Amino acid sequence: MSTGTLHDASRAEFEAWWQTDGQYSRAGGGDYEKTFAFNAWQASRKAERDEIISELAGMTCNNATARSAVKECIATIKEMK
């Protein structure tokens, strides 16, 4: 999956959240408020990704294939925006 595709998927996730929940927790719910909500949403997602990376990096894998898979997961998560 390319970084562009990851970015598009992330934007789609935000739009789904905005339609179901986000716009109702912001006064006005217009484009101005949506911009601030998007930036906050991205920051919270980064914190979640950083926590997952930290947990994966702390895993002990005795199998070379498992170690490789963990490294690949970490690299993929780091690509996400």
N, C-alpha and C. Protein backbone atom coordinates (compact mmCIF):
# COMPACT_ATOMS: atom_id res chain seq x y z
N MET A 1 0.86 -1.18 0.00
CA MET A 1 0.00 0.00 0.00
C MET A 1 0.89 1.23 0.00
N SER A 2 0.67 2.14 -0.93
CA SER A 2 1.51 3.32 -1.02
C SER A 2 1.11 4.36 0.02
N THR A 3 2.03 5.30 0.28
CA THR A 3 1.75 6.35 1.25
C THR A 3 0.54 7.17 0.83
N GLY A 4 0.40 7.41 -0.48
CA GLY A 4 -0.76 8.15 -0.98
C GLY A 4 -2.06 7.44 -0.64
N THR A 5 -2.06 6.13 -0.81
CA THR A 5 -3.24 5.34 -0.49
C THR A 5 -3.52 5.38 1.01
N LEU A 6 -2.45 5.30 1.81
CA LEU A 6 -2.62 5.40 3.27
C LEU A 6 -3.21 6.75 3.64
N HIS A 7 -2.72 7.81 2.99
CA HIS A 7 -3.24 9.15 3.28
C HIS A 7 -4.72 9.23 2.91
N ASP A 8 -5.08 8.68 1.75
CA ASP A 8 -6.47 8.70 1.31
C ASP A 8 -7.35 7.91 2.28
N ALA A 9 -6.84 6.77 2.75
CA ALA A 9 -7.59 5.96 3.71
C ALA A 9 -7.78 6.72 5.01
N SER A 10 -6.74 7.42 5.45
CA SER A 10 -6.82 8.21 6.68
C SER A 10 -7.85 9.32 6.54
N ARG A 11 -7.84 9.99 5.41
CA ARG A 11 -8.82 11.07 5.18
C ARG A 11 -10.23 10.50 5.15
N ALA A 12 -10.40 9.33 4.56
CA ALA A 12 -11.72 8.69 4.52
C ALA A 12 -12.19 8.35 5.94
N GLU A 13 -11.27 7.86 6.77
CA GLU A 13 -11.62 7.57 8.17
C GLU A 13 -12.05 8.84 8.89
N PHE A 14 -11.32 9.93 8.67
CA PHE A 14 -11.68 11.19 9.31
C PHE A 14 -13.07 11.64 8.84
N GLU A 15 -13.32 11.58 7.55
CA GLU A 15 -14.61 12.01 7.02
C GLU A 15 -15.75 11.20 7.63
N ALA A 16 -15.53 9.89 7.78
CA ALA A 16 -16.56 9.04 8.40
C ALA A 16 -16.79 9.46 9.84
N TRP A 17 -15.70 9.71 10.58
CA TRP A 17 -15.81 10.16 11.97
C TRP A 17 -16.52 11.52 12.03
N TRP A 18 -16.16 12.42 11.13
CA TRP A 18 -16.75 13.76 11.12
C TRP A 18 -18.26 13.69 10.91
N GLN A 19 -18.67 12.84 9.97
CA GLN A 19 -20.10 12.72 9.66
C GLN A 19 -20.89 12.11 10.82
N THR A 20 -20.30 11.16 11.52
CA THR A 20 -21.05 10.48 12.59
C THR A 20 -20.95 11.16 13.94
N ASP A 21 -19.79 11.77 14.25
CA ASP A 21 -19.58 12.30 15.60
C ASP A 21 -18.99 13.71 15.65
N GLY A 22 -17.94 13.91 14.88
CA GLY A 22 -17.12 15.11 15.02
C GLY A 22 -17.83 16.43 14.87
N GLN A 23 -18.68 16.55 13.88
CA GLN A 23 -19.33 17.84 13.62
C GLN A 23 -20.26 18.24 14.75
N TYR A 24 -20.72 17.27 15.52
CA TYR A 24 -21.66 17.57 16.60
C TYR A 24 -20.96 18.02 17.88
N SER A 25 -19.62 17.82 17.93
CA SER A 25 -18.90 18.27 19.12
C SER A 25 -18.15 19.57 18.86
N ARG A 26 -18.42 20.20 17.74
CA ARG A 26 -17.78 21.47 17.39
C ARG A 26 -18.86 22.52 17.15
N ALA A 27 -18.73 23.66 17.77
CA ALA A 27 -19.70 24.74 17.55
C ALA A 27 -19.65 25.14 16.08
N GLY A 28 -20.76 25.09 15.42
CA GLY A 28 -20.85 25.47 14.01
C GLY A 28 -20.69 24.29 13.07
N GLY A 29 -19.67 23.50 13.26
CA GLY A 29 -19.46 22.32 12.44
C GLY A 29 -19.16 22.60 10.98
N GLY A 30 -18.68 23.81 10.68
CA GLY A 30 -18.36 24.16 9.29
C GLY A 30 -16.92 23.83 8.93
N ASP A 31 -16.48 24.34 7.78
CA ASP A 31 -15.13 24.05 7.30
C ASP A 31 -14.05 24.56 8.26
N TYR A 32 -14.28 25.72 8.86
CA TYR A 32 -13.30 26.29 9.80
C TYR A 32 -13.10 25.34 10.98
N GLU A 33 -14.20 24.89 11.56
CA GLU A 33 -14.13 23.98 12.70
C GLU A 33 -13.58 22.62 12.29
N LYS A 34 -13.90 22.22 11.07
CA LYS A 34 -13.45 20.93 10.55
C LYS A 34 -11.93 20.91 10.42
N THR A 35 -11.34 22.02 10.03
CA THR A 35 -9.88 22.10 9.90
C THR A 35 -9.22 21.85 11.24
N PHE A 36 -9.71 22.51 12.30
CA PHE A 36 -9.13 22.30 13.63
C PHE A 36 -9.36 20.87 14.10
N ALA A 37 -10.53 20.34 13.83
CA ALA A 37 -10.84 18.96 14.23
C ALA A 37 -9.93 17.97 13.51
N PHE A 38 -9.66 18.22 12.23
CA PHE A 38 -8.80 17.33 11.47
C PHE A 38 -7.39 17.32 12.04
N ASN A 39 -6.86 18.49 12.37
CA ASN A 39 -5.52 18.56 12.94
C ASN A 39 -5.45 17.85 14.29
N ALA A 40 -6.45 18.02 15.12
CA ALA A 40 -6.48 17.33 16.41
C ALA A 40 -6.62 15.82 16.21
N TRP A 41 -7.44 15.43 15.26
CA TRP A 41 -7.65 14.02 14.96
C TRP A 41 -6.35 13.37 14.49
N GLN A 42 -5.61 14.07 13.61
CA GLN A 42 -4.33 13.55 13.13
C GLN A 42 -3.34 13.39 14.28
N ALA A 43 -3.29 14.37 15.18
CA ALA A 43 -2.37 14.30 16.32
C ALA A 43 -2.70 13.11 17.22
N SER A 44 -3.99 12.87 17.44
CA SER A 44 -4.37 11.74 18.28
C SER A 44 -4.02 10.42 17.61
N ARG A 45 -4.17 10.35 16.30
CA ARG A 45 -3.82 9.15 15.56
C ARG A 45 -2.31 8.90 15.62
N LYS A 46 -1.50 9.98 15.55
CA LYS A 46 -0.05 9.83 15.64
C LYS A 46 0.33 9.27 17.01
N ALA A 47 -0.30 9.76 18.06
CA ALA A 47 -0.01 9.25 19.39
C ALA A 47 -0.34 7.76 19.49
N GLU A 48 -1.45 7.36 18.88
CA GLU A 48 -1.81 5.93 18.87
C GLU A 48 -0.77 5.11 18.11
N ARG A 49 -0.34 5.61 16.95
CA ARG A 49 0.66 4.90 16.16
C ARG A 49 1.98 4.77 16.92
N ASP A 50 2.39 5.87 17.58
CA ASP A 50 3.64 5.84 18.35
C ASP A 50 3.58 4.80 19.47
N GLU A 51 2.43 4.68 20.11
CA GLU A 51 2.26 3.69 21.17
C GLU A 51 2.35 2.27 20.61
N ILE A 52 1.73 2.05 19.47
CA ILE A 52 1.78 0.72 18.84
C ILE A 52 3.21 0.38 18.44
N ILE A 53 3.92 1.34 17.86
CA ILE A 53 5.31 1.12 17.46
C ILE A 53 6.16 0.77 18.67
N SER A 54 5.95 1.48 19.76
CA SER A 54 6.70 1.22 20.98
C SER A 54 6.45 -0.20 21.49
N GLU A 55 5.19 -0.63 21.46
CA GLU A 55 4.85 -1.97 21.90
C GLU A 55 5.46 -3.03 20.97
N LEU A 56 5.40 -2.80 19.66
CA LEU A 56 5.98 -3.75 18.71
C LEU A 56 7.50 -3.83 18.87
N ALA A 57 8.13 -2.68 19.06
CA ALA A 57 9.59 -2.64 19.19
C ALA A 57 10.05 -3.39 20.45
N GLY A 58 9.20 -3.45 21.46
CA GLY A 58 9.55 -4.13 22.69
C GLY A 58 9.29 -5.63 22.67
N MET A 59 8.72 -6.13 21.58
CA MET A 59 8.43 -7.56 21.48
C MET A 59 9.71 -8.36 21.30
N THR A 60 9.74 -9.51 21.92
CA THR A 60 10.86 -10.43 21.75
C THR A 60 10.40 -11.56 20.85
N CYS A 61 11.08 -11.69 19.70
CA CYS A 61 10.73 -12.73 18.74
C CYS A 61 11.93 -13.65 18.56
N ASN A 62 11.74 -14.92 18.84
CA ASN A 62 12.82 -15.90 18.68
C ASN A 62 12.92 -16.42 17.26
N ASN A 63 11.92 -16.14 16.45
CA ASN A 63 11.85 -16.64 15.10
C ASN A 63 12.21 -15.52 14.13
N ALA A 64 13.11 -15.78 13.19
CA ALA A 64 13.55 -14.76 12.23
C ALA A 64 12.39 -14.24 11.38
N THR A 65 11.47 -15.11 11.01
CA THR A 65 10.32 -14.71 10.20
C THR A 65 9.43 -13.76 11.00
N ALA A 66 9.22 -14.05 12.27
CA ALA A 66 8.41 -13.19 13.13
C ALA A 66 9.09 -11.84 13.31
N ARG A 67 10.41 -11.84 13.54
CA ARG A 67 11.15 -10.57 13.69
C ARG A 67 11.00 -9.73 12.44
N SER A 68 11.10 -10.36 11.28
CA SER A 68 10.97 -9.65 10.01
C SER A 68 9.57 -9.07 9.86
N ALA A 69 8.56 -9.83 10.24
CA ALA A 69 7.17 -9.36 10.15
C ALA A 69 6.94 -8.17 11.07
N VAL A 70 7.50 -8.21 12.26
CA VAL A 70 7.36 -7.09 13.21
C VAL A 70 8.03 -5.85 12.63
N LYS A 71 9.24 -6.01 12.08
CA LYS A 71 9.94 -4.86 11.48
C LYS A 71 9.13 -4.28 10.32
N GLU A 72 8.52 -5.14 9.53
CA GLU A 72 7.70 -4.68 8.40
C GLU A 72 6.47 -3.92 8.91
N CYS A 73 5.86 -4.41 9.97
CA CYS A 73 4.70 -3.72 10.56
C CYS A 73 5.10 -2.34 11.05
N ILE A 74 6.23 -2.26 11.74
CA ILE A 74 6.71 -0.97 12.25
C ILE A 74 6.94 0.00 11.09
N ALA A 75 7.59 -0.47 10.02
CA ALA A 75 7.86 0.39 8.87
C ALA A 75 6.56 0.88 8.23
N THR A 76 5.58 -0.01 8.11
CA THR A 76 4.30 0.37 7.51
C THR A 76 3.59 1.42 8.38
N ILE A 77 3.60 1.22 9.68
CA ILE A 77 2.94 2.17 10.60
C ILE A 77 3.64 3.53 10.52
N LYS A 78 4.96 3.54 10.43
CA LYS A 78 5.70 4.80 10.35
C LYS A 78 5.37 5.59 9.07
N GLU A 79 4.99 4.87 8.01
CA GLU A 79 4.64 5.53 6.74
C GLU A 79 3.30 6.25 6.84
N MET A 80 2.45 5.82 7.73
CA MET A 80 1.12 6.40 7.84
C MET A 80 1.18 7.85 8.28
N LYS A 81 0.29 8.63 7.75
CA LYS A 81 0.22 10.05 8.10
C LYS A 81 -0.95 10.28 9.01
